[in-house]
Amino acid sequence: MAPYEFKNIWTANGEILTPLTLSQLPKYNLSKDTIDFLSLAGLPNYAAPNLSFASNTDNNISGIFKLTEQCDYLGTEYEKYIAIGYCRDGDIIAIDTNDNDKIKQLDHEDLFSEQFFNSSIKAFAEFLTIYRDFDRSFNNFYFTDEQFRIMKEKMFAIDSRAITEDGFWKDELQILQDLRQDAIDKLMS
């Protein structure tokens, strides 16, 4: 997904994206594709499922930052992580500059151990869009098997690794199914 395509899709209903200042991005050793995406389209401040993203600021808490800038006790092996946001439980969403700018989830309770998120910033943006559209199509976890299957197939076509390998999206899909089952069980009792 090209930056402008994501921007047009995401903002069509008035939702806002926050592009990052081009001048601050080159210092992070990001690829040209990643820099273009973050500076031309950006990311939303918030997106389902409970994700928040960096603002266009030099502040190393709410802006984009190298993990070792915020956590100066970490060794040089962590310099490859560029934090772009947070998951619902406080885990960091980061770009791994040593692994072709793949998106990783860094567990803040386990010395920032990594799990796979997406293969690229473009795949990540497409997943955000697919999930947002799915999330809008149901109420209180009452979604059909068909709605779930369609979302999963779209995700698989874009980045199969993100839903087959242990990591954020595979976990999120399981959480959705578990919450739906809990909702059904409550209705039945």
Protein backbone atom coordinates (compact mmCIF):
# COMPACT_ATOMS: atom_id res chain seq x y z
CA MET A 1 0.00 0.00 0.00
CA ALA A 2 1.46 3.30 -1.07
CA PRO A 3 1.55 6.18 1.44
CA TYR A 4 -1.02 8.28 -0.42
CA GLU A 5 -3.33 5.30 -0.86
CA PHE A 6 -3.26 4.67 2.90
CA LYS A 7 -3.77 8.36 3.57
CA ASN A 8 -6.80 8.52 1.26
CA ILE A 9 -8.37 5.36 2.70
CA TRP A 10 -7.72 6.23 6.33
CA THR A 11 -8.87 9.85 6.17
CA ALA A 12 -11.94 9.28 3.94
CA ASN A 13 -14.24 9.40 6.99
CA GLY A 14 -12.49 12.29 8.72
CA GLU A 15 -9.95 10.26 10.67
CA ILE A 16 -6.56 11.92 11.07
CA LEU A 17 -3.04 10.72 10.34
CA THR A 18 0.11 12.26 11.76
CA PRO A 19 2.93 12.40 9.23
CA LEU A 20 6.37 12.68 10.82
CA THR A 21 8.75 15.47 9.91
CA LEU A 22 11.06 14.31 7.17
CA SER A 23 14.07 16.03 8.77
CA GLN A 24 13.96 13.86 11.91
CA LEU A 25 13.62 10.47 10.16
CA PRO A 26 17.00 9.97 8.40
CA LYS A 27 18.88 9.85 11.72
CA TYR A 28 17.21 6.51 12.49
CA ASN A 29 18.73 4.54 9.61
CA LEU A 30 15.31 3.66 8.20
CA SER A 31 14.84 2.55 4.60
CA LYS A 32 13.66 5.06 2.00
CA ASP A 33 10.29 3.25 1.76
CA THR A 34 9.74 3.52 5.51
CA ILE A 35 10.79 7.18 5.61
CA ASP A 36 8.52 7.98 2.67
CA PHE A 37 5.58 6.22 4.31
CA LEU A 38 6.01 7.89 7.70
CA SER A 39 6.57 11.36 6.22
CA LEU A 40 3.96 11.29 3.43
CA ALA A 41 1.11 9.43 5.15
CA GLY A 42 2.10 8.91 8.77
CA LEU A 43 0.13 6.87 11.24
CA PRO A 44 -3.03 7.58 13.23
CA ASN A 45 -2.71 8.73 16.83
CA TYR A 46 -4.84 5.74 17.78
CA ALA A 47 -6.10 2.65 15.97
CA ALA A 48 -7.96 -0.49 16.91
CA PRO A 49 -7.09 -2.80 18.56
CA ASN A 50 -5.91 -0.39 21.27
CA LEU A 51 -2.77 0.82 19.51
CA SER A 52 -1.30 4.31 19.87
CA PHE A 53 1.35 5.92 17.71
CA ALA A 54 4.06 8.54 17.80
CA SER A 55 3.24 12.21 17.43
CA ASN A 56 5.23 14.57 15.27
CA THR A 57 7.47 15.71 18.10
CA ASP A 58 11.09 15.34 19.17
CA ASN A 59 9.91 14.19 22.61
CA ASN A 60 11.26 10.65 23.12
CA ILE A 61 8.14 9.48 24.93
CA SER A 62 5.34 10.59 22.62
CA GLY A 63 7.40 10.92 19.43
CA ILE A 64 9.42 8.43 17.41
CA PHE A 65 12.61 7.42 19.22
CA LYS A 66 15.45 4.94 19.24
CA LEU A 67 14.73 2.48 22.07
CA THR A 68 18.17 3.09 23.60
CA GLU A 69 17.41 6.84 23.81
CA GLN A 70 14.53 6.21 26.18
CA CYS A 71 16.05 3.21 27.96
CA ASP A 72 19.70 4.17 28.28
CA TYR A 73 20.46 1.04 30.32
CA LEU A 74 19.98 -1.16 27.24
CA GLY A 75 22.99 -2.39 25.32
CA THR A 76 23.94 -1.64 21.74
CA GLU A 77 22.00 -4.68 20.46
CA TYR A 78 18.82 -2.64 21.08
CA GLU A 79 19.89 0.32 18.94
CA LYS A 80 18.21 -1.32 15.95
CA TYR A 81 14.74 -0.63 17.37
CA ILE A 82 12.95 2.59 16.43
CA ALA A 83 9.81 2.96 18.54
CA ILE A 84 6.74 4.20 16.68
CA GLY A 85 3.97 3.37 19.15
CA TYR A 86 2.50 1.24 21.91
CA CYS A 87 0.20 -1.76 22.23
CA ARG A 88 -2.66 -1.92 24.74
CA ASP A 89 -0.47 -3.44 27.45
CA GLY A 90 2.37 -0.94 27.09
CA ASP A 91 4.53 -3.06 24.80
CA ILE A 92 6.42 -1.01 22.24
CA ILE A 93 5.73 -1.17 18.51
CA ALA A 94 9.09 -0.75 16.82
CA ILE A 95 10.78 -0.85 13.45
CA ASP A 96 13.77 -3.20 13.38
CA THR A 97 16.38 -1.47 11.22
CA ASN A 98 18.59 -4.59 11.22
CA ASP A 99 15.78 -6.74 9.81
CA ASN A 100 14.63 -4.86 6.68
CA ASP A 101 12.45 -2.47 8.73
CA LYS A 102 10.11 -5.23 9.88
CA ILE A 103 7.62 -4.16 12.54
CA LYS A 104 8.12 -5.85 15.92
CA GLN A 105 6.36 -5.90 19.27
CA LEU A 106 8.80 -5.44 22.16
CA ASP A 107 7.67 -6.92 25.49
CA HIS A 108 8.35 -4.27 28.14
CA GLU A 109 8.04 -6.87 30.91
CA ASP A 110 10.61 -9.23 29.37
CA LEU A 111 13.61 -6.98 28.62
CA PHE A 112 12.05 -5.98 25.30
CA SER A 113 12.03 -9.46 23.81
CA GLU A 114 10.61 -9.24 20.30
CA GLN A 115 7.68 -10.80 18.53
CA PHE A 116 6.75 -10.37 14.91
CA PHE A 117 4.13 -7.76 14.01
CA ASN A 118 4.36 -7.15 10.23
CA SER A 119 6.84 -7.50 7.37
CA SER A 120 6.88 -3.77 6.55
CA ILE A 121 5.30 -0.44 7.41
CA LYS A 122 3.11 -0.81 4.31
CA ALA A 123 1.79 -4.22 5.40
CA PHE A 124 1.27 -2.80 8.89
CA ALA A 125 -0.84 0.05 7.49
CA GLU A 126 -2.93 -2.37 5.45
CA PHE A 127 -3.55 -4.50 8.54
CA LEU A 128 -4.66 -1.41 10.47
CA THR A 129 -7.14 -0.62 7.70
CA ILE A 130 -8.46 -4.19 7.48
CA TYR A 131 -8.85 -4.44 11.24
CA ARG A 132 -10.55 -1.02 11.46
CA ASP A 133 -13.07 -2.02 8.79
CA PHE A 134 -13.72 -5.34 10.51
CA ASP A 135 -14.07 -3.65 13.92
CA ARG A 136 -16.71 -1.29 12.54
CA SER A 137 -18.77 -4.16 11.13
CA PHE A 138 -19.89 -5.73 14.43
CA ASN A 139 -21.09 -4.81 17.90
CA ASN A 140 -19.66 -6.13 21.18
CA PHE A 141 -17.83 -9.10 19.66
CA TYR A 142 -20.91 -10.36 17.83
CA PHE A 143 -19.31 -11.03 14.47
CA THR A 144 -20.00 -13.91 12.17
CA ASP A 145 -17.61 -16.66 11.20
CA GLU A 146 -17.83 -15.28 7.65
CA GLN A 147 -16.78 -11.76 8.72
CA PHE A 148 -13.85 -13.21 10.64
CA ARG A 149 -12.84 -15.49 7.75
CA ILE A 150 -12.86 -12.60 5.27
CA MET A 151 -10.69 -10.43 7.53
CA LYS A 152 -8.25 -13.29 8.11
CA GLU A 153 -8.02 -14.06 4.38
CA LYS A 154 -7.29 -10.40 3.57
CA MET A 155 -4.57 -10.34 6.22
CA PHE A 156 -3.09 -13.62 4.99
CA ALA A 157 -2.91 -12.31 1.41
CA ILE A 158 -0.96 -9.24 2.53
CA ASP A 159 1.38 -10.70 5.16
CA SER A 160 0.80 -14.38 5.91
CA ARG A 161 3.60 -14.47 8.45
CA ALA A 162 1.76 -11.93 10.63
CA ILE A 163 -1.12 -14.32 11.30
CA THR A 164 0.71 -17.64 11.24
CA GLU A 165 3.77 -16.83 13.37
CA ASP A 166 3.55 -16.14 17.09
CA GLY A 167 3.13 -12.42 17.45
CA PHE A 168 0.68 -9.58 17.80
CA TRP A 169 -1.84 -10.29 15.04
CA LYS A 170 -2.03 -14.04 15.64
CA ASP A 171 -2.65 -13.30 19.33
CA GLU A 172 -5.21 -10.62 18.50
CA LEU A 173 -7.21 -12.95 16.26
CA GLN A 174 -7.32 -15.53 19.06
CA ILE A 175 -8.39 -12.86 21.58
CA LEU A 176 -11.25 -11.84 19.26
CA GLN A 177 -12.49 -15.40 19.03
CA ASP A 178 -12.20 -15.87 22.81
CA LEU A 179 -14.08 -12.64 23.55
CA ARG A 180 -16.80 -13.61 21.10
CA GLN A 181 -17.17 -16.98 22.79
CA ASP A 182 -17.36 -15.28 26.21
CA ALA A 183 -20.10 -12.97 24.88
CA ILE A 184 -22.04 -15.93 23.48
CA ASP A 185 -21.65 -17.85 26.75
CA LYS A 186 -23.04 -14.88 28.72
CA LEU A 187 -26.05 -14.70 26.40
CA MET A 188 -26.71 -18.39 26.83
CA SER A 189 -26.51 -18.37 30.63
